[in-house]
Amino acid sequence: QVHLVESGGGLVRPGSSLRLTCAASGRGIGTYAMAWFRQAPANERECVAAITWDGGTTYYKDSVKGRFTVSRDNAKNTVYLQMNSLEPDDTATYYCAADKRGLRMPWLAAAPKEYGSWGQGTQVSVAE
């Protein structure tokens, strides 16, 4: 079981940047694909970014391409989400997740059902 803790959220103005951090414990994440999801009130949870176990492949939701960057440091058991040019529509609770297999899968999934470990979330609010 992978235990995940997110940090780095906050209240910022449009155009600002934030860097979210996901720290893992209990088991190394080196063989897991990792993802960042977000969920706004009354909305479904959606994948905004994902990264394969080795960092070789990434996925981004169309609306965040060019603004968000996902990265990982397996030696530190940590995953990051750099968010630039934030917009009010980015307001949501952001969750870190580890895939449920941990078998160095070469592909990425955007569906929440493919992820077996979740953090508690960190709130990102973008407003004037």
C-alpha atoms as a PDB file:
ATOM      1  CA  GLN A   1       0.000   0.000   0.000  1.00  0.00           C
ATOM      2  CA  VAL A   2       1.278   3.429  -0.959  1.00  0.00           C
ATOM      3  CA  HIS A   3       0.459   6.297   1.391  1.00  0.00           C
ATOM      4  CA  LEU A   4       0.272   9.659  -0.386  1.00  0.00           C
ATOM      5  CA  VAL A   5       0.235  13.186   1.024  1.00  0.00           C
ATOM      6  CA  GLU A   6      -0.270  16.259  -1.139  1.00  0.00           C
ATOM      7  CA  SER A   7       0.862  19.783  -0.311  1.00  0.00           C
ATOM      8  CA  GLY A   8       1.361  23.136  -1.991  1.00  0.00           C
ATOM      9  CA  GLY A   9      -2.187  24.266  -2.646  1.00  0.00           C
ATOM     10  CA  GLY A  10      -3.460  27.730  -1.844  1.00  0.00           C
ATOM     11  CA  LEU A  11      -5.401  30.793  -2.927  1.00  0.00           C
ATOM     12  CA  VAL A  12      -3.800  32.659  -5.818  1.00  0.00           C
ATOM     13  CA  ARG A  13      -4.753  35.215  -8.437  1.00  0.00           C
ATOM     14  CA  PRO A  14      -5.255  34.377 -12.119  1.00  0.00           C
ATOM     15  CA  GLY A  15      -1.945  34.122 -13.940  1.00  0.00           C
ATOM     16  CA  SER A  16      -0.085  32.926 -10.853  1.00  0.00           C
ATOM     17  CA  SER A  17       1.854  29.698 -10.374  1.00  0.00           C
ATOM     18  CA  LEU A  18       1.750  26.932  -7.800  1.00  0.00           C
ATOM     19  CA  ARG A  19       3.784  23.774  -7.351  1.00  0.00           C
ATOM     20  CA  LEU A  20       2.011  20.798  -5.851  1.00  0.00           C
ATOM     21  CA  THR A  21       4.023  18.062  -4.181  1.00  0.00           C
ATOM     22  CA  CYS A  22       2.963  14.477  -3.532  1.00  0.00           C
ATOM     23  CA  ALA A  23       5.090  12.675  -0.956  1.00  0.00           C
ATOM     24  CA  ALA A  24       4.806   8.879  -0.810  1.00  0.00           C
ATOM     25  CA  SER A  25       5.548   6.557   2.073  1.00  0.00           C
ATOM     26  CA  GLY A  26       4.929   2.960   3.062  1.00  0.00           C
ATOM     27  CA  ARG A  27       6.126   1.619  -0.269  1.00  0.00           C
ATOM     28  CA  GLY A  28       8.308   3.052  -3.000  1.00  0.00           C
ATOM     29  CA  ILE A  29       6.544   4.504  -6.026  1.00  0.00           C
ATOM     30  CA  GLY A  30       9.349   3.614  -8.420  1.00  0.00           C
ATOM     31  CA  THR A  31       7.282   1.007 -10.275  1.00  0.00           C
ATOM     32  CA  TYR A  32       3.999   2.940 -10.274  1.00  0.00           C
ATOM     33  CA  ALA A  33       2.457   5.253 -12.807  1.00  0.00           C
ATOM     34  CA  MET A  34       1.361   8.370 -10.956  1.00  0.00           C
ATOM     35  CA  ALA A  35      -1.339  10.892 -11.706  1.00  0.00           C
ATOM     36  CA  TRP A  36      -2.846  14.151 -10.554  1.00  0.00           C
ATOM     37  CA  PHE A  37      -6.633  14.405 -10.485  1.00  0.00           C
ATOM     38  CA  ARG A  38      -8.844  17.309  -9.555  1.00  0.00           C
ATOM     39  CA  GLN A  39     -12.427  17.645  -8.482  1.00  0.00           C
ATOM     40  CA  ALA A  40     -14.505  20.781  -8.241  1.00  0.00           C
ATOM     41  CA  PRO A  41     -17.850  20.876  -6.386  1.00  0.00           C
ATOM     42  CA  ALA A  42     -20.602  19.139  -8.376  1.00  0.00           C
ATOM     43  CA  ASN A  43     -18.047  17.902 -10.935  1.00  0.00           C
ATOM     44  CA  GLU A  44     -16.598  14.469 -11.541  1.00  0.00           C
ATOM     45  CA  ARG A  45     -13.005  13.733 -10.639  1.00  0.00           C
ATOM     46  CA  GLU A  46     -10.829  14.270 -13.711  1.00  0.00           C
ATOM     47  CA  CYS A  47      -7.235  13.431 -14.531  1.00  0.00           C
ATOM     48  CA  VAL A  48      -5.188  16.521 -15.328  1.00  0.00           C
ATOM     49  CA  ALA A  49      -1.769  14.882 -15.662  1.00  0.00           C
ATOM     50  CA  ALA A  50      -0.102  11.487 -15.423  1.00  0.00           C
ATOM     51  CA  ILE A  51       3.417  10.114 -15.709  1.00  0.00           C
ATOM     52  CA  THR A  52       4.794   6.620 -16.269  1.00  0.00           C
ATOM     53  CA  TRP A  53       6.971   4.890 -13.664  1.00  0.00           C
ATOM     54  CA  ASP A  54      10.172   6.057 -15.373  1.00  0.00           C
ATOM     55  CA  GLY A  55       8.975   9.508 -16.353  1.00  0.00           C
ATOM     56  CA  GLY A  56       9.301   8.654 -20.022  1.00  0.00           C
ATOM     57  CA  THR A  57       5.690   9.309 -20.967  1.00  0.00           C
ATOM     58  CA  THR A  58       3.286  11.955 -19.757  1.00  0.00           C
ATOM     59  CA  TYR A  59      -0.381  12.732 -20.285  1.00  0.00           C
ATOM     60  CA  TYR A  60      -2.156  16.084 -19.907  1.00  0.00           C
ATOM     61  CA  LYS A  61      -5.769  17.088 -20.085  1.00  0.00           C
ATOM     62  CA  ASP A  62      -6.214  19.386 -23.073  1.00  0.00           C
ATOM     63  CA  SER A  63      -7.145  22.416 -20.995  1.00  0.00           C
ATOM     64  CA  VAL A  64      -3.864  22.309 -19.036  1.00  0.00           C
ATOM     65  CA  LYS A  65      -1.431  21.519 -21.848  1.00  0.00           C
ATOM     66  CA  GLY A  66       1.339  24.071 -22.003  1.00  0.00           C
ATOM     67  CA  ARG A  67       0.544  25.342 -18.484  1.00  0.00           C
ATOM     68  CA  PHE A  68       0.998  22.293 -16.227  1.00  0.00           C
ATOM     69  CA  THR A  69       4.023  20.022 -15.966  1.00  0.00           C
ATOM     70  CA  VAL A  70       4.129  16.714 -14.106  1.00  0.00           C
ATOM     71  CA  SER A  71       7.454  15.304 -12.937  1.00  0.00           C
ATOM     72  CA  ARG A  72       8.756  12.768 -10.475  1.00  0.00           C
ATOM     73  CA  ASP A  73      11.815  11.947  -8.405  1.00  0.00           C
ATOM     74  CA  ASN A  74      11.719   8.241  -7.576  1.00  0.00           C
ATOM     75  CA  ALA A  75      14.759   8.529  -5.319  1.00  0.00           C
ATOM     76  CA  LYS A  76      12.779  10.961  -3.163  1.00  0.00           C
ATOM     77  CA  ASN A  77       9.491   9.059  -3.570  1.00  0.00           C
ATOM     78  CA  THR A  78       7.906  12.312  -4.730  1.00  0.00           C
ATOM     79  CA  VAL A  79       5.762  13.541  -7.608  1.00  0.00           C
ATOM     80  CA  TYR A  80       5.253  17.181  -8.575  1.00  0.00           C
ATOM     81  CA  LEU A  81       2.738  19.223 -10.517  1.00  0.00           C
ATOM     82  CA  GLN A  82       3.974  22.624 -11.644  1.00  0.00           C
ATOM     83  CA  MET A  83       0.998  24.798 -12.504  1.00  0.00           C
ATOM     84  CA  ASN A  84       1.572  28.062 -14.368  1.00  0.00           C
ATOM     85  CA  SER A  85      -0.822  30.673 -15.750  1.00  0.00           C
ATOM     86  CA  LEU A  86      -3.538  29.504 -13.408  1.00  0.00           C
ATOM     87  CA  GLU A  87      -7.123  30.275 -14.342  1.00  0.00           C
ATOM     88  CA  PRO A  88     -10.314  30.419 -12.242  1.00  0.00           C
ATOM     89  CA  ASP A  89     -11.449  27.157 -13.904  1.00  0.00           C
ATOM     90  CA  ASP A  90      -8.455  25.425 -12.302  1.00  0.00           C
ATOM     91  CA  THR A  91     -10.080  25.878  -8.897  1.00  0.00           C
ATOM     92  CA  ALA A  92     -10.570  22.432  -7.368  1.00  0.00           C
ATOM     93  CA  THR A  93      -9.260  19.947  -4.855  1.00  0.00           C
ATOM     94  CA  TYR A  94      -6.198  18.260  -6.341  1.00  0.00           C
ATOM     95  CA  TYR A  95      -5.422  14.623  -5.579  1.00  0.00           C
ATOM     96  CA  CYS A  96      -2.330  12.541  -6.167  1.00  0.00           C
ATOM     97  CA  ALA A  97      -2.837   8.890  -7.107  1.00  0.00           C
ATOM     98  CA  ALA A  98      -0.747   5.777  -7.735  1.00  0.00           C
ATOM     99  CA  ASP A  99      -1.833   3.160 -10.254  1.00  0.00           C
ATOM    100  CA  LYS A 100      -3.218  -0.016  -8.760  1.00  0.00           C
ATOM    101  CA  ARG A 101      -0.744  -2.397 -10.368  1.00  0.00           C
ATOM    102  CA  GLY A 102       2.729  -0.989  -9.761  1.00  0.00           C
ATOM    103  CA  LEU A 103       4.144  -3.153 -12.534  1.00  0.00           C
ATOM    104  CA  ARG A 104       6.062  -0.599 -14.590  1.00  0.00           C
ATOM    105  CA  MET A 105       3.197  -0.289 -17.059  1.00  0.00           C
ATOM    106  CA  PRO A 106       4.331   1.501 -20.257  1.00  0.00           C
ATOM    107  CA  TRP A 107       0.961   3.169 -20.780  1.00  0.00           C
ATOM    108  CA  LEU A 108      -1.086   5.709 -18.869  1.00  0.00           C
ATOM    109  CA  ALA A 109      -4.711   5.710 -17.805  1.00  0.00           C
ATOM    110  CA  ALA A 110      -6.917   8.706 -17.103  1.00  0.00           C
ATOM    111  CA  ALA A 111      -9.753   6.830 -15.424  1.00  0.00           C
ATOM    112  CA  PRO A 112      -9.887   6.999 -11.623  1.00  0.00           C
ATOM    113  CA  LYS A 113     -10.683   3.261 -11.451  1.00  0.00           C
ATOM    114  CA  GLU A 114      -7.153   2.476 -12.644  1.00  0.00           C
ATOM    115  CA  TYR A 115      -5.614   4.049  -9.543  1.00  0.00           C
ATOM    116  CA  GLY A 116      -5.524   2.260  -6.207  1.00  0.00           C
ATOM    117  CA  SER A 117      -3.912   4.705  -3.768  1.00  0.00           C
ATOM    118  CA  TRP A 118      -5.040   8.282  -3.201  1.00  0.00           C
ATOM    119  CA  GLY A 119      -3.956  11.225  -1.111  1.00  0.00           C
ATOM    120  CA  GLN A 120      -6.317  13.360   0.946  1.00  0.00           C
ATOM    121  CA  GLY A 121      -6.186  16.263  -1.506  1.00  0.00           C
ATOM    122  CA  THR A 122      -4.989  19.860  -1.457  1.00  0.00           C
ATOM    123  CA  GLN A 123      -7.199  22.829  -2.311  1.00  0.00           C
ATOM    124  CA  VAL A 124      -6.280  25.155  -5.167  1.00  0.00           C
ATOM    125  CA  SER A 125      -8.342  28.313  -5.507  1.00  0.00           C
ATOM    126  CA  VAL A 126      -7.801  30.851  -8.285  1.00  0.00           C
ATOM    127  CA  ALA A 127      -9.640  34.135  -7.899  1.00  0.00           C
ATOM    128  CA  GLU A 128      -9.136  37.909  -8.018  1.00  0.00           C
END
